[in-house]
Protein backbone atom coordinates (compact mmCIF):
# COMPACT_ATOMS: atom_id res chain seq x y z
CA MET A 1 -94.77 11.47 -17.38
CA PHE A 2 -92.25 10.51 -14.71
CA ASN A 3 -91.78 10.90 -10.97
CA GLY A 4 -89.79 13.69 -9.36
CA ILE A 5 -89.65 16.41 -6.73
CA LEU A 6 -91.23 19.63 -7.95
CA ILE A 7 -90.93 23.02 -6.26
CA GLU A 8 -93.72 25.51 -6.92
CA LYS A 9 -94.11 29.04 -5.60
CA SER A 10 -96.99 31.48 -5.40
CA GLU A 11 -97.46 34.69 -3.43
CA GLU A 12 -98.79 32.74 -0.45
CA ASN A 13 -97.11 29.37 -0.76
CA TYR A 14 -93.76 27.67 -1.34
CA GLN A 15 -94.02 23.92 -1.69
CA ALA A 16 -91.83 20.97 -2.67
CA LYS A 17 -93.60 17.69 -3.31
CA LEU A 18 -93.24 14.32 -5.01
CA THR A 19 -95.43 14.31 -8.11
CA ASN A 20 -95.80 13.21 -11.73
CA ILE A 21 -93.92 15.57 -14.07
CA ASN A 22 -94.44 16.22 -17.76
CA GLU A 23 -91.32 16.01 -19.94
CA GLU A 24 -92.14 19.43 -21.41
CA LEU A 25 -91.04 20.98 -18.10
CA LEU A 26 -87.42 19.86 -18.51
CA GLY A 27 -86.32 22.76 -20.69
CA GLU A 28 -83.62 22.99 -23.34
CA GLY A 29 -80.71 20.60 -23.84
CA ASP A 30 -79.15 18.31 -26.40
CA VAL A 31 -78.88 15.23 -24.15
CA THR A 32 -81.75 13.41 -22.42
CA VAL A 33 -80.74 11.26 -19.45
CA LYS A 34 -82.55 8.55 -17.55
CA VAL A 35 -81.51 9.49 -14.01
CA LEU A 36 -80.42 6.58 -11.84
CA TYR A 37 -79.24 8.40 -8.70
CA SER A 38 -79.16 11.93 -7.41
CA THR A 39 -78.11 13.36 -4.06
CA LEU A 40 -79.31 15.64 -1.30
CA ASN A 41 -76.78 18.40 -0.67
CA TYR A 42 -77.01 21.37 1.70
CA LYS A 43 -77.97 23.60 -1.24
CA ASP A 44 -80.69 21.12 -2.26
CA ALA A 45 -82.07 21.15 1.27
CA LEU A 46 -82.22 24.97 1.21
CA ALA A 47 -84.05 24.83 -2.12
CA ILE A 48 -86.55 22.18 -1.02
CA THR A 49 -87.40 23.84 2.30
CA GLY A 50 -87.32 27.39 0.97
CA ASN A 51 -84.88 28.38 3.71
CA GLY A 52 -82.52 29.95 1.18
CA PRO A 53 -82.97 31.80 -2.12
CA VAL A 54 -81.49 28.96 -4.18
CA VAL A 55 -84.23 28.47 -6.77
CA ARG A 56 -84.53 31.35 -9.22
CA LYS A 57 -87.06 29.91 -11.65
CA PHE A 58 -90.37 28.16 -10.94
CA PRO A 59 -91.60 25.48 -11.19
CA MET A 60 -88.27 23.75 -10.59
CA ILE A 61 -86.95 20.22 -10.14
CA PRO A 62 -84.17 20.51 -7.52
CA GLY A 63 -80.99 18.45 -7.42
CA ILE A 64 -77.55 19.82 -8.28
CA ASP A 65 -76.12 16.32 -8.90
CA LEU A 66 -77.14 13.40 -11.05
CA VAL A 67 -75.84 10.27 -12.73
CA GLY A 68 -77.66 8.35 -15.41
CA ILE A 69 -77.82 6.72 -18.82
CA VAL A 70 -78.02 8.73 -22.05
CA GLU A 71 -81.40 7.99 -23.67
CA HIS A 72 -81.14 10.49 -26.53
CA THR A 73 -78.37 12.78 -27.75
CA ASP A 74 -77.93 15.38 -30.46
CA SER A 75 -74.29 15.81 -29.43
CA ASP A 76 -71.30 13.95 -30.85
CA LYS A 77 -69.69 14.01 -27.37
CA PHE A 78 -71.88 11.15 -26.12
CA ASN A 79 -73.61 8.03 -27.38
CA THR A 80 -76.89 6.47 -26.36
CA GLY A 81 -76.16 4.17 -23.42
CA ASP A 82 -73.24 6.19 -22.03
CA THR A 83 -73.19 6.62 -18.25
CA VAL A 84 -72.74 10.33 -17.47
CA LEU A 85 -72.63 12.58 -14.44
CA LEU A 86 -73.34 16.22 -13.72
CA ASN A 87 -72.43 18.58 -10.87
CA GLY A 88 -73.65 22.17 -10.71
CA TYR A 89 -73.93 24.52 -13.70
CA GLY A 90 -77.08 26.04 -12.17
CA VAL A 91 -78.98 22.76 -12.44
CA GLY A 92 -81.61 22.63 -9.70
CA GLU A 93 -81.54 26.43 -9.55
CA VAL A 94 -82.35 27.81 -13.01
CA HIS A 95 -82.51 24.54 -14.99
CA CYS A 96 -84.42 21.43 -13.90
CA GLY A 97 -82.17 19.12 -11.89
CA GLY A 98 -81.50 15.60 -10.76
CA LEU A 99 -84.28 14.78 -8.30
CA ALA A 100 -86.50 13.29 -10.99
CA GLN A 101 -86.37 10.19 -13.15
CA LYS A 102 -85.47 12.14 -16.29
CA ALA A 103 -83.34 15.19 -17.13
CA ARG A 104 -82.62 17.16 -20.30
CA LEU A 105 -79.18 18.77 -20.20
CA LYS A 106 -76.52 20.53 -22.23
CA SER A 107 -73.75 18.20 -23.36
CA GLU A 108 -71.04 20.64 -22.22
CA TRP A 109 -72.22 20.15 -18.63
CA LEU A 110 -71.68 16.39 -18.66
CA ILE A 111 -68.68 14.11 -18.22
CA LYS A 112 -68.46 10.34 -18.46
CA VAL A 113 -68.37 8.42 -15.19
CA PRO A 114 -64.83 7.17 -14.38
CA GLU A 115 -64.43 3.44 -14.99
CA ASN A 116 -63.63 2.76 -11.32
CA PHE A 117 -67.08 3.91 -10.16
CA ASN A 118 -70.57 2.53 -10.62
CA PRO A 119 -73.54 4.98 -10.69
CA LYS A 120 -74.35 4.58 -6.99
CA GLN A 121 -70.75 5.24 -5.95
CA THR A 122 -70.62 8.25 -8.26
CA MET A 123 -73.50 9.92 -6.46
CA ALA A 124 -72.24 8.85 -3.07
CA ILE A 125 -69.32 11.11 -3.98
CA GLY A 126 -71.34 13.76 -5.84
CA THR A 127 -70.71 17.47 -5.50
CA ALA A 128 -69.48 16.95 -1.93
CA GLY A 129 -66.61 14.64 -2.87
CA TYR A 130 -65.87 16.58 -6.05
CA THR A 131 -65.70 19.85 -4.07
CA ALA A 132 -63.50 18.23 -1.42
CA MET A 133 -61.11 17.12 -4.17
CA LEU A 134 -61.01 20.65 -5.62
CA CYS A 135 -60.12 21.93 -2.13
CA VAL A 136 -57.30 19.41 -1.76
CA MET A 137 -56.00 20.34 -5.21
CA ALA A 138 -55.95 24.01 -4.13
CA LEU A 139 -53.85 23.14 -1.07
CA GLU A 140 -51.46 21.14 -3.24
CA LYS A 141 -51.20 23.97 -5.77
CA ASN A 142 -50.12 26.31 -2.99
CA GLY A 143 -47.43 23.95 -1.75
CA VAL A 144 -49.21 22.59 1.33
CA THR A 145 -47.61 19.16 1.61
CA PRO A 146 -48.03 16.59 4.41
CA GLU A 147 -44.62 17.60 5.78
CA LYS A 148 -45.83 21.18 6.38
CA GLY A 149 -48.13 20.18 9.23
CA ASN A 150 -51.68 19.43 10.28
CA ILE A 151 -54.74 20.18 8.12
CA LEU A 152 -57.99 21.38 9.67
CA VAL A 153 -61.32 20.25 8.18
CA THR A 154 -64.49 21.98 9.39
CA GLY A 155 -68.02 20.65 9.03
CA ALA A 156 -66.33 17.30 9.35
CA ASN A 157 -69.47 15.16 9.66
CA GLY A 158 -70.95 16.59 6.47
CA GLY A 159 -70.38 15.38 2.93
CA VAL A 160 -67.52 17.71 1.99
CA GLY A 161 -65.86 17.25 5.35
CA SER A 162 -66.13 13.46 5.30
CA PHE A 163 -64.58 13.18 1.86
CA ALA A 164 -61.92 15.79 2.62
CA ILE A 165 -60.76 13.76 5.63
CA SER A 166 -60.67 10.55 3.59
CA ILE A 167 -58.74 12.11 0.70
CA LEU A 168 -56.25 13.95 2.90
CA SER A 169 -55.60 10.86 5.01
CA LYS A 170 -55.04 8.76 1.88
CA LEU A 171 -52.47 11.34 0.70
CA GLY A 172 -50.58 11.16 3.99
CA TYR A 173 -51.79 14.30 5.76
CA GLN A 174 -52.52 14.53 9.48
CA VAL A 175 -56.08 15.81 9.84
CA THR A 176 -57.87 17.66 12.64
CA ALA A 177 -61.66 17.38 12.28
CA SER A 178 -63.91 20.14 13.62
CA THR A 179 -67.52 19.14 14.31
CA GLY A 180 -70.57 19.97 16.35
CA ARG A 181 -71.11 16.26 16.92
CA VAL A 182 -68.05 15.19 18.86
CA GLU A 183 -69.96 12.13 20.06
CA GLN A 184 -69.44 10.81 16.52
CA SER A 185 -65.66 11.08 16.75
CA GLN A 186 -65.22 7.39 16.02
CA TYR A 187 -66.76 7.85 12.57
CA LEU A 188 -64.33 10.69 11.82
CA LYS A 189 -61.33 8.74 13.05
CA HIS A 190 -62.42 5.80 10.93
CA LEU A 191 -62.28 8.13 7.92
CA GLY A 192 -58.74 9.13 8.84
CA ALA A 193 -58.88 12.04 11.30
CA SER A 194 -56.13 11.96 13.91
CA GLU A 195 -57.83 14.52 16.17
CA VAL A 196 -61.41 15.75 16.68
CA ILE A 197 -62.26 19.16 18.14
CA ASN A 198 -65.54 20.86 19.01
CA ARG A 199 -66.64 23.49 16.51
CA ASN A 200 -67.40 25.84 19.41
CA THR A 201 -63.67 26.50 19.72
CA LEU A 202 -63.82 28.27 16.35
CA ASN A 203 -67.29 29.73 15.83
CA GLN A 204 -67.07 32.80 18.08
CA ALA A 205 -65.30 36.12 17.60
CA GLY A 206 -61.54 35.61 18.04
CA ARG A 207 -58.20 37.38 17.88
CA PRO A 208 -56.78 38.90 14.68
CA LEU A 209 -53.78 36.58 15.12
CA ALA A 210 -53.76 33.34 17.07
CA LYS A 211 -51.29 30.56 17.74
CA GLU A 212 -50.03 28.94 14.52
CA LEU A 213 -51.79 25.58 14.47
CA TRP A 214 -52.48 24.39 10.92
CA ALA A 215 -50.53 24.30 7.67
CA GLY A 216 -53.80 24.33 5.77
CA ALA A 217 -57.55 24.02 6.12
CA ILE A 218 -60.69 23.10 4.22
CA ASP A 219 -63.65 25.15 5.42
CA SER A 220 -67.32 24.80 4.56
CA ILE A 221 -68.57 27.04 7.41
CA GLY A 222 -67.50 30.65 6.75
CA SER A 223 -68.12 33.62 9.09
CA HIS A 224 -66.27 33.59 12.47
CA THR A 225 -65.05 30.05 11.85
CA LEU A 226 -63.21 31.03 8.68
CA ALA A 227 -61.84 34.16 10.34
CA ASN A 228 -60.43 32.09 13.21
CA ILE A 229 -58.92 29.61 10.78
CA CYS A 230 -57.10 32.42 9.00
CA ALA A 231 -55.83 33.68 12.36
CA GLY A 232 -54.52 30.21 13.28
CA LEU A 233 -52.77 29.23 10.03
CA LYS A 234 -49.03 28.72 10.02
CA TYR A 235 -46.79 31.00 8.00
CA GLY A 236 -47.51 30.48 4.29
CA GLY A 237 -50.58 28.36 4.98
CA THR A 238 -53.67 28.08 2.79
CA VAL A 239 -57.35 27.68 3.58
CA ALA A 240 -59.68 26.47 0.83
CA ALA A 241 -63.12 28.00 1.46
CA CYS A 242 -66.09 26.25 -0.14
CA GLY A 243 -69.13 26.90 2.08
CA LEU A 244 -71.04 29.29 4.30
CA ALA A 245 -73.04 27.19 6.77
CA GLN A 246 -72.40 29.70 9.58
CA GLY A 247 -72.79 32.78 7.41
CA MET A 248 -71.61 34.78 4.41
CA ASP A 249 -69.77 37.37 6.48
CA LEU A 250 -66.02 37.27 7.12
CA PRO A 251 -65.22 39.24 10.31
CA ALA A 252 -61.47 38.84 9.87
CA SER A 253 -58.31 40.94 9.97
CA VAL A 254 -55.70 41.48 7.26
CA ALA A 255 -53.03 40.60 9.84
CA PRO A 256 -52.62 36.89 8.92
CA PHE A 257 -52.35 37.80 5.25
CA ILE A 258 -49.65 40.45 5.57
CA LEU A 259 -47.77 39.09 8.61
CA ARG A 260 -47.90 35.37 7.85
CA GLY A 261 -48.41 35.39 4.10
CA ILE A 262 -51.42 33.09 4.20
CA THR A 263 -53.71 32.41 1.23
CA LEU A 264 -57.50 32.28 1.17
CA ALA A 265 -58.43 30.15 -1.84
CA GLY A 266 -62.06 30.34 -2.93
CA ILE A 267 -63.47 27.08 -4.31
CA ASP A 268 -66.32 27.25 -6.81
CA SER A 269 -67.68 23.88 -7.88
CA VAL A 270 -70.73 25.14 -9.81
CA MET A 271 -69.16 26.77 -12.89
CA ARG A 272 -65.76 25.08 -12.74
CA PRO A 273 -64.16 24.52 -16.18
CA ILE A 274 -64.69 21.03 -17.58
CA GLU A 275 -60.93 20.28 -17.57
CA ASP A 276 -60.79 20.79 -13.78
CA ARG A 277 -63.84 18.57 -13.33
CA ILE A 278 -62.32 15.72 -15.30
CA GLN A 279 -59.05 16.02 -13.36
CA ALA A 280 -60.84 16.09 -9.99
CA TRP A 281 -62.98 13.05 -10.81
CA GLN A 282 -59.98 11.10 -12.05
CA ARG A 283 -58.11 11.90 -8.82
CA LEU A 284 -61.14 10.66 -6.88
CA ALA A 285 -61.17 7.46 -8.90
CA ASP A 286 -57.49 6.92 -8.15
CA LEU A 287 -57.72 7.67 -4.41
CA LEU A 288 -61.05 6.55 -2.97
CA GLU A 289 -61.62 3.01 -1.75
CA PRO A 290 -65.12 1.54 -2.33
CA ASN A 291 -65.57 0.73 1.36
CA ILE A 292 -64.96 4.37 2.34
CA ILE A 293 -67.54 5.52 -0.21
CA ASN A 294 -70.06 3.06 1.23
CA ASP A 295 -69.31 4.17 4.81
CA ILE A 296 -70.04 7.80 3.94
CA ALA A 297 -73.28 7.21 1.97
CA ASN A 298 -76.88 6.80 3.14
CA GLU A 299 -79.47 5.81 0.51
CA ILE A 300 -83.06 7.09 0.44
CA THR A 301 -85.94 7.05 -2.05
CA LEU A 302 -87.77 9.96 -3.71
CA ASP A 303 -90.63 9.85 -1.20
CA GLN A 304 -88.15 10.48 1.65
CA VAL A 305 -86.47 13.54 0.09
CA VAL A 306 -88.58 16.36 1.56
CA GLU A 307 -88.43 14.98 5.12
CA THR A 308 -84.69 14.27 4.86
CA ALA A 309 -84.02 17.83 3.63
CA GLU A 310 -85.39 19.15 6.93
CA GLN A 311 -83.19 16.74 8.89
CA LEU A 312 -80.13 17.78 6.91
CA LEU A 313 -80.64 21.47 7.73
CA ASP A 314 -81.14 20.56 11.39
CA GLY A 315 -77.69 18.91 11.40
CA ASN A 316 -79.05 15.42 11.93
CA ILE A 317 -77.51 13.78 8.85
CA GLN A 318 -74.05 12.19 8.90
CA GLY A 319 -72.09 11.89 5.66
CA ARG A 320 -73.81 11.78 2.27
CA VAL A 321 -77.42 11.24 1.23
CA ILE A 322 -77.96 9.56 -2.14
CA VAL A 323 -81.38 9.30 -3.75
CA ASN A 324 -82.37 6.20 -5.71
CA LEU A 325 -84.66 7.43 -8.48
CA ASN A 326 -85.98 4.00 -9.41
CA SER A 327 -86.93 2.32 -6.15
């Protein structure tokens, strides 16, 4: 038995709670990991609160991220004692995830932690930082260089936004941060943003074409916000879309695509090929300074997870939340 967050569902009740869990619940896998840290992402918060149809199998241990030590392996890819990490692959949705002290996983889902990072730093980055890096790589692939102009980052106070600002700034880009918490502008400028704007300038219905403002964008919001970003991109610009906090709809026009040749690049971090994951994590190891990682991260314990999930959905969490599984 070990401690973890367990989500159970019946016809009348949906509940997430901290409890003792039997190892038989963990499911199939050829690697057993002692989990050291996990995280609390937006998707995790939806799963824990039941505010979104994230979990598709019950009972379920949530947590789409984890880092830990290999306790047992039937795979020749890893050895006992290796420090490994996981992001996505349906973990926390259809396969028991990282918000428990033990996990049983498929070896093809795991990669070794880069040498530059310790376990706590790895989860401070987590899916948020990994997704942000994938977004930056998409901009680079489409030729969006620092010389092309300003980059817009929405949801700037969140995990993806915070890391996107830090990475872009490190690479020499000028960054405009869009947030609903403009009173926290100093935090965003500390990360590297040169300008902070209120998200209300983007989250309402807008014109099919607007003034050309940004060479590129990283958007975790969707809906009207993404539509307005497309309308305001410069000729040949790219927006990397990785989230839907405002909604799944896209009330946009084809005008920016056919008149300005813009690109909408969809970013999936869940089923991304392992080669892309390794490349993204190595780029993160090369670019991120330990002090920036520490500035973005807030550590909690397992008994604080359910309460913190509510706060995250209410927009009251800045940066990243990491969960210490052994404190």
